[in-house]
Amino acid sequence: MSKKITESESNYRDLENMSVVELLSNINKEDHLVAPAVNKVIPAINNLLESLVPKMELGGRLFYIGAGTSGRLGILDASECPPTFGVPDDWVIGLIAGGDSAIRKAVEFAEDDYRGAWRDMQKYRPTSIDTVVGIAASGSTPYVVGGLEDARKNGLMTACVCCNPGAPVTRFADFPIEVLVGPEFVSGSTRMKSGTAQKLILNMISTAAMIRLGRVLDNKMVDMQLSNTKLVERGVRMITEKLNLSQDIAKELLLKHGSVRKVLDKRK
């Protein structure tokens, strides 16, 4: 049986007797341990991306599967890709045990459905060029373990992000990412350090993949969706700086063509 660091006792006792400042300071002290832990697994993340990007270049999709906090983090990262990088809604897909209702409210025992993730994926007709990343702090969530097992059996590439060494989920992951952040401030509350580490890693996976896929120019989100005034203004700034145009002309061109990239391509 793998050692569950995520279930180990907090390094702090009698939390209810701490002042608010003590609570905040100690939580922050623990949070400072997360980034170094993520840094240690950069080689593992790199290995995943070296195989993921070529598959996505062929049209392969990236699936995130998880339960509870892990599932919500996958959905968050997936949902940010279309507005940030201008990609189709079904290129990065987040699935959570219990379905969309579980995003806001826990669905009892949904995470124990071993075949649930693969069943949830069927509406997307998964193929061998798709990739599945299982997200589970414990590394033993049946929904995630079973999803990766079924995905691998059907020829998909698999990866996992977990916070325990040698966890069951790693058995079915071609690219296991084990980020060890230590005990949580509140014992077992993996929405804290473990969740933060998972969020950082998912940011790295999707952002690095999209950059390698050509969805960023220089350091700019030139394919972002113009879904609000702030983003329109950001796009106008990009165009004025790049093409040395007035703001009025830049805005006119942006609204006419629909993205910064299209404006820049027209002006080549």
Protein backbone atom coordinates (compact mmCIF):
# COMPACT_ATOMS: atom_id res chain seq x y z
CA MET A 1 0.00 0.00 0.00
CA SER A 2 1.36 3.43 -0.97
CA LYS A 3 2.12 5.97 1.72
CA LYS A 4 -0.57 8.65 1.81
CA ILE A 5 1.18 11.88 2.65
CA THR A 6 -2.06 13.69 1.86
CA GLU A 7 -3.75 11.98 4.81
CA SER A 8 -0.91 12.55 7.28
CA GLU A 9 -1.21 14.66 10.40
CA SER A 10 -0.74 18.41 10.09
CA ASN A 11 2.48 19.88 11.42
CA TYR A 12 0.35 22.27 13.48
CA ARG A 13 -1.82 21.54 16.53
CA ASP A 14 -4.62 23.34 18.34
CA LEU A 15 -5.54 25.45 15.33
CA GLU A 16 -8.65 26.70 17.10
CA ASN A 17 -6.44 28.42 19.68
CA MET A 18 -4.41 30.38 17.12
CA SER A 19 -5.08 34.05 16.45
CA VAL A 20 -6.19 35.03 12.95
CA VAL A 21 -2.73 36.42 12.21
CA GLU A 22 -1.15 33.15 13.35
CA LEU A 23 -3.51 31.16 11.14
CA LEU A 24 -2.80 33.30 8.11
CA SER A 25 0.94 33.33 8.67
CA ASN A 26 1.14 29.57 9.12
CA ILE A 27 -1.02 28.85 6.07
CA ASN A 28 1.22 31.15 4.06
CA LYS A 29 4.30 29.43 5.47
CA GLU A 30 2.98 26.10 4.19
CA ASP A 31 2.05 27.60 0.82
CA HIS A 32 5.68 28.62 0.33
CA LEU A 33 6.53 24.90 0.12
CA VAL A 34 4.38 24.36 -2.97
CA ALA A 35 6.38 26.09 -5.71
CA PRO A 36 9.65 24.29 -4.85
CA ALA A 37 7.77 20.96 -4.90
CA VAL A 38 6.41 21.78 -8.36
CA ASN A 39 9.88 22.79 -9.51
CA LYS A 40 11.12 19.28 -8.71
CA VAL A 41 8.64 17.70 -11.14
CA ILE A 42 9.37 19.96 -14.12
CA PRO A 43 11.25 17.10 -15.86
CA ALA A 44 8.14 14.92 -15.57
CA ILE A 45 5.90 17.70 -16.91
CA ASN A 46 8.33 18.26 -19.77
CA ASN A 47 8.23 14.57 -20.68
CA LEU A 48 4.45 14.75 -20.91
CA LEU A 49 4.49 17.86 -23.07
CA GLU A 50 7.07 16.45 -25.47
CA SER A 51 4.55 13.72 -26.34
CA LEU A 52 1.35 15.73 -25.86
CA VAL A 53 2.09 18.57 -28.30
CA PRO A 54 2.68 16.34 -31.35
CA LYS A 55 -0.63 14.59 -30.69
CA MET A 56 -2.46 17.91 -30.39
CA GLU A 57 -0.80 19.08 -33.63
CA LEU A 58 -2.59 16.15 -35.27
CA GLY A 59 -5.90 17.26 -33.76
CA GLY A 60 -5.72 15.21 -30.59
CA ARG A 61 -7.61 16.49 -27.59
CA LEU A 62 -6.58 16.86 -23.96
CA PHE A 63 -8.95 15.41 -21.36
CA TYR A 64 -8.72 16.18 -17.66
CA ILE A 65 -10.56 13.78 -15.34
CA GLY A 66 -10.96 14.23 -11.59
CA ALA A 67 -13.30 14.28 -8.62
CA GLY A 68 -14.03 17.02 -6.10
CA THR A 69 -11.41 19.77 -5.96
CA SER A 70 -9.23 17.97 -8.52
CA GLY A 71 -12.10 17.72 -10.98
CA ARG A 72 -12.99 21.38 -10.52
CA LEU A 73 -9.40 22.41 -11.17
CA GLY A 74 -9.38 20.43 -14.42
CA ILE A 75 -12.61 22.05 -15.54
CA LEU A 76 -11.25 25.49 -14.63
CA ASP A 77 -8.11 25.00 -16.69
CA ALA A 78 -10.02 23.55 -19.65
CA SER A 79 -12.63 26.32 -19.62
CA GLU A 80 -9.95 29.02 -19.74
CA CYS A 81 -8.32 27.71 -22.93
CA PRO A 82 -10.92 28.89 -25.47
CA PRO A 83 -11.11 32.53 -24.28
CA THR A 84 -7.36 32.78 -23.65
CA PHE A 85 -6.04 31.03 -26.75
CA GLY A 86 -8.99 31.12 -29.15
CA VAL A 87 -9.18 27.33 -29.45
CA PRO A 88 -12.37 25.25 -29.92
CA ASP A 89 -14.37 24.43 -26.79
CA ASP A 90 -13.78 20.71 -27.29
CA TRP A 91 -10.00 20.75 -27.64
CA VAL A 92 -9.29 20.75 -23.89
CA ILE A 93 -12.06 19.02 -21.95
CA GLY A 94 -12.54 18.81 -18.20
CA LEU A 95 -14.68 16.02 -16.72
CA ILE A 96 -15.68 15.72 -13.07
CA ALA A 97 -17.14 12.72 -11.24
CA GLY A 98 -20.85 13.31 -10.83
CA GLY A 99 -21.18 15.56 -13.87
CA ASP A 100 -21.56 19.32 -14.08
CA SER A 101 -23.73 19.50 -10.95
CA ALA A 102 -20.67 18.37 -8.97
CA ILE A 103 -18.86 21.58 -9.89
CA ARG A 104 -20.85 23.47 -7.26
CA LYS A 105 -22.07 20.73 -4.94
CA ALA A 106 -20.50 17.41 -3.98
CA VAL A 107 -22.23 14.36 -5.46
CA GLU A 108 -22.06 11.51 -2.97
CA PHE A 109 -20.02 8.47 -4.00
CA ALA A 110 -19.58 9.72 -7.58
CA GLU A 111 -15.81 9.46 -7.22
CA ASP A 112 -16.18 5.74 -6.41
CA ASP A 113 -17.53 4.94 -9.90
CA TYR A 114 -14.55 3.08 -11.39
CA ARG A 115 -15.93 3.09 -14.95
CA GLY A 116 -17.50 6.53 -14.70
CA ALA A 117 -14.76 8.58 -16.37
CA TRP A 118 -14.54 6.41 -19.47
CA ARG A 119 -18.32 6.40 -19.71
CA ASP A 120 -18.35 10.20 -19.43
CA MET A 121 -15.78 10.42 -22.23
CA GLN A 122 -17.87 8.46 -24.71
CA LYS A 123 -19.91 11.47 -25.87
CA TYR A 124 -16.63 12.89 -27.22
CA ARG A 125 -15.73 9.70 -29.09
CA PRO A 126 -12.14 9.43 -27.82
CA THR A 127 -9.44 8.25 -30.24
CA SER A 128 -5.83 7.13 -30.05
CA ILE A 129 -4.49 10.66 -30.65
CA ASP A 130 -6.25 11.97 -27.53
CA THR A 131 -4.56 12.29 -24.13
CA VAL A 132 -6.09 11.81 -20.68
CA VAL A 133 -4.62 13.47 -17.58
CA GLY A 134 -6.01 12.09 -14.34
CA ILE A 135 -5.96 14.54 -11.43
CA ALA A 136 -6.17 13.09 -7.92
CA ALA A 137 -4.39 14.41 -4.84
CA SER A 138 -4.62 11.03 -3.13
CA GLY A 139 -3.80 9.17 -6.32
CA SER A 140 -6.36 6.51 -5.43
CA THR A 141 -9.69 8.01 -6.57
CA PRO A 142 -11.53 5.16 -8.37
CA TYR A 143 -13.07 7.52 -10.97
CA VAL A 144 -9.56 8.63 -11.98
CA VAL A 145 -7.75 5.30 -11.66
CA GLY A 146 -10.43 3.50 -13.67
CA GLY A 147 -10.56 6.27 -16.26
CA LEU A 148 -6.84 6.02 -16.92
CA GLU A 149 -6.97 2.22 -17.05
CA ASP A 150 -9.79 2.28 -19.60
CA ALA A 151 -8.13 5.04 -21.62
CA ARG A 152 -4.86 3.13 -21.81
CA LYS A 153 -6.68 -0.09 -22.81
CA ASN A 154 -8.23 1.84 -25.69
CA GLY A 155 -4.92 3.21 -26.95
CA LEU A 156 -4.96 6.73 -25.49
CA MET A 157 -1.89 8.33 -23.94
CA THR A 158 -2.27 8.80 -20.19
CA ALA A 159 -0.78 10.97 -17.47
CA CYS A 160 -1.59 11.78 -13.86
CA VAL A 161 -1.04 14.55 -11.33
CA CYS A 162 -1.05 13.26 -7.76
CA CYS A 163 0.45 14.16 -4.40
CA ASN A 164 1.41 10.76 -3.00
CA PRO A 165 4.37 8.63 -4.12
CA GLY A 166 3.65 5.32 -5.83
CA ALA A 167 -0.10 5.91 -5.79
CA PRO A 168 -2.46 3.50 -7.65
CA VAL A 169 -3.15 6.09 -10.36
CA THR A 170 0.51 5.96 -11.46
CA ARG A 171 0.12 2.33 -12.57
CA PHE A 172 -1.96 3.43 -15.55
CA ALA A 173 -0.15 6.68 -16.33
CA ASP A 174 2.40 6.78 -19.15
CA PHE A 175 3.57 10.05 -17.63
CA PRO A 176 3.14 10.14 -13.83
CA ILE A 177 3.62 13.52 -12.15
CA GLU A 178 3.98 13.06 -8.39
CA VAL A 179 4.22 16.43 -6.63
CA LEU A 180 4.90 15.93 -2.93
CA VAL A 181 3.85 18.99 -0.94
CA GLY A 182 3.71 17.33 2.47
CA PRO A 183 0.94 17.36 5.10
CA GLU A 184 -1.83 19.90 4.77
CA PHE A 185 -2.31 22.72 7.30
CA VAL A 186 -5.69 21.20 8.14
CA SER A 187 -5.02 17.45 8.12
CA GLY A 188 -6.27 15.88 4.88
CA SER A 189 -7.65 19.11 3.40
CA THR A 190 -6.16 18.64 -0.06
CA ARG A 191 -7.94 21.69 -1.46
CA MET A 192 -5.06 23.60 0.13
CA LYS A 193 -1.42 22.81 -0.78
CA SER A 194 -2.24 19.84 -2.98
CA GLY A 195 -4.86 21.81 -4.86
CA THR A 196 -2.48 24.74 -5.30
CA ALA A 197 0.19 22.43 -6.69
CA GLN A 198 -2.29 20.85 -9.10
CA LYS A 199 -3.41 24.27 -10.29
CA LEU A 200 0.18 25.35 -10.94
CA ILE A 201 0.90 22.18 -12.90
CA LEU A 202 -2.26 22.41 -15.01
CA ASN A 203 -1.37 26.04 -15.79
CA MET A 204 2.03 24.83 -16.97
CA ILE A 205 0.64 21.99 -19.09
CA SER A 206 -2.00 23.99 -20.95
CA THR A 207 -0.01 27.21 -21.31
CA ALA A 208 3.18 25.54 -22.52
CA ALA A 209 1.19 23.34 -24.91
CA MET A 210 -0.67 26.30 -26.38
CA ILE A 211 2.53 28.31 -26.81
CA ARG A 212 4.18 25.38 -28.61
CA LEU A 213 1.06 25.04 -30.76
CA GLY A 214 1.48 28.64 -31.92
CA ARG A 215 -1.37 30.21 -29.96
CA VAL A 216 0.83 32.98 -28.50
CA LEU A 217 2.88 35.58 -30.40
CA ASP A 218 5.87 37.01 -28.51
CA ASN A 219 4.22 37.12 -25.07
CA LYS A 220 0.77 38.17 -26.26
CA MET A 221 -2.59 36.35 -26.36
CA VAL A 222 -3.22 37.25 -30.01
CA ASP A 223 -5.97 34.64 -30.42
CA MET A 224 -7.98 35.60 -27.31
CA GLN A 225 -11.74 35.91 -27.65
CA LEU A 226 -13.04 39.48 -27.54
CA SER A 227 -15.67 38.68 -24.95
CA ASN A 228 -15.63 41.91 -22.94
CA THR A 229 -14.50 45.52 -23.02
CA LYS A 230 -11.27 44.83 -21.12
CA LEU A 231 -10.16 42.28 -23.72
CA VAL A 232 -11.08 44.57 -26.61
CA GLU A 233 -8.97 47.31 -25.02
CA ARG A 234 -6.09 44.86 -24.53
CA GLY A 235 -6.33 43.87 -28.19
CA VAL A 236 -6.31 47.50 -29.27
CA ARG A 237 -3.12 48.09 -27.27
CA MET A 238 -1.44 45.11 -28.90
CA ILE A 239 -2.28 46.38 -32.37
CA THR A 240 -1.28 49.99 -31.72
CA GLU A 241 2.07 48.89 -30.30
CA LYS A 242 2.78 46.38 -33.07
CA LEU A 243 1.58 48.41 -36.08
CA ASN A 244 2.01 51.96 -34.80
CA LEU A 245 -1.63 52.83 -35.53
CA SER A 246 -4.02 55.14 -33.71
CA GLN A 247 -6.33 53.56 -31.16
CA ASP A 248 -9.39 54.37 -33.25
CA ILE A 249 -8.04 52.64 -36.34
CA ALA A 250 -6.74 49.72 -34.28
CA LYS A 251 -10.14 49.22 -32.68
CA GLU A 252 -11.91 49.42 -36.03
CA LEU A 253 -9.62 46.77 -37.49
CA LEU A 254 -9.90 44.56 -34.42
CA LEU A 255 -13.69 44.57 -34.41
CA LYS A 256 -13.76 44.02 -38.18
CA HIS A 257 -11.44 40.99 -38.21
CA GLY A 258 -12.27 39.55 -34.78
CA SER A 259 -8.81 38.88 -33.37
CA VAL A 260 -5.41 40.49 -32.97
CA ARG A 261 -3.77 37.75 -35.02
CA LYS A 262 -6.08 38.28 -37.98
CA VAL A 263 -5.35 42.01 -37.95
CA LEU A 264 -1.60 41.39 -37.84
CA ASP A 265 -1.84 38.80 -40.63
CA LYS A 266 -3.77 41.24 -42.82
CA ARG A 267 -1.07 43.85 -42.33
CA LYS A 268 1.90 41.65 -43.22
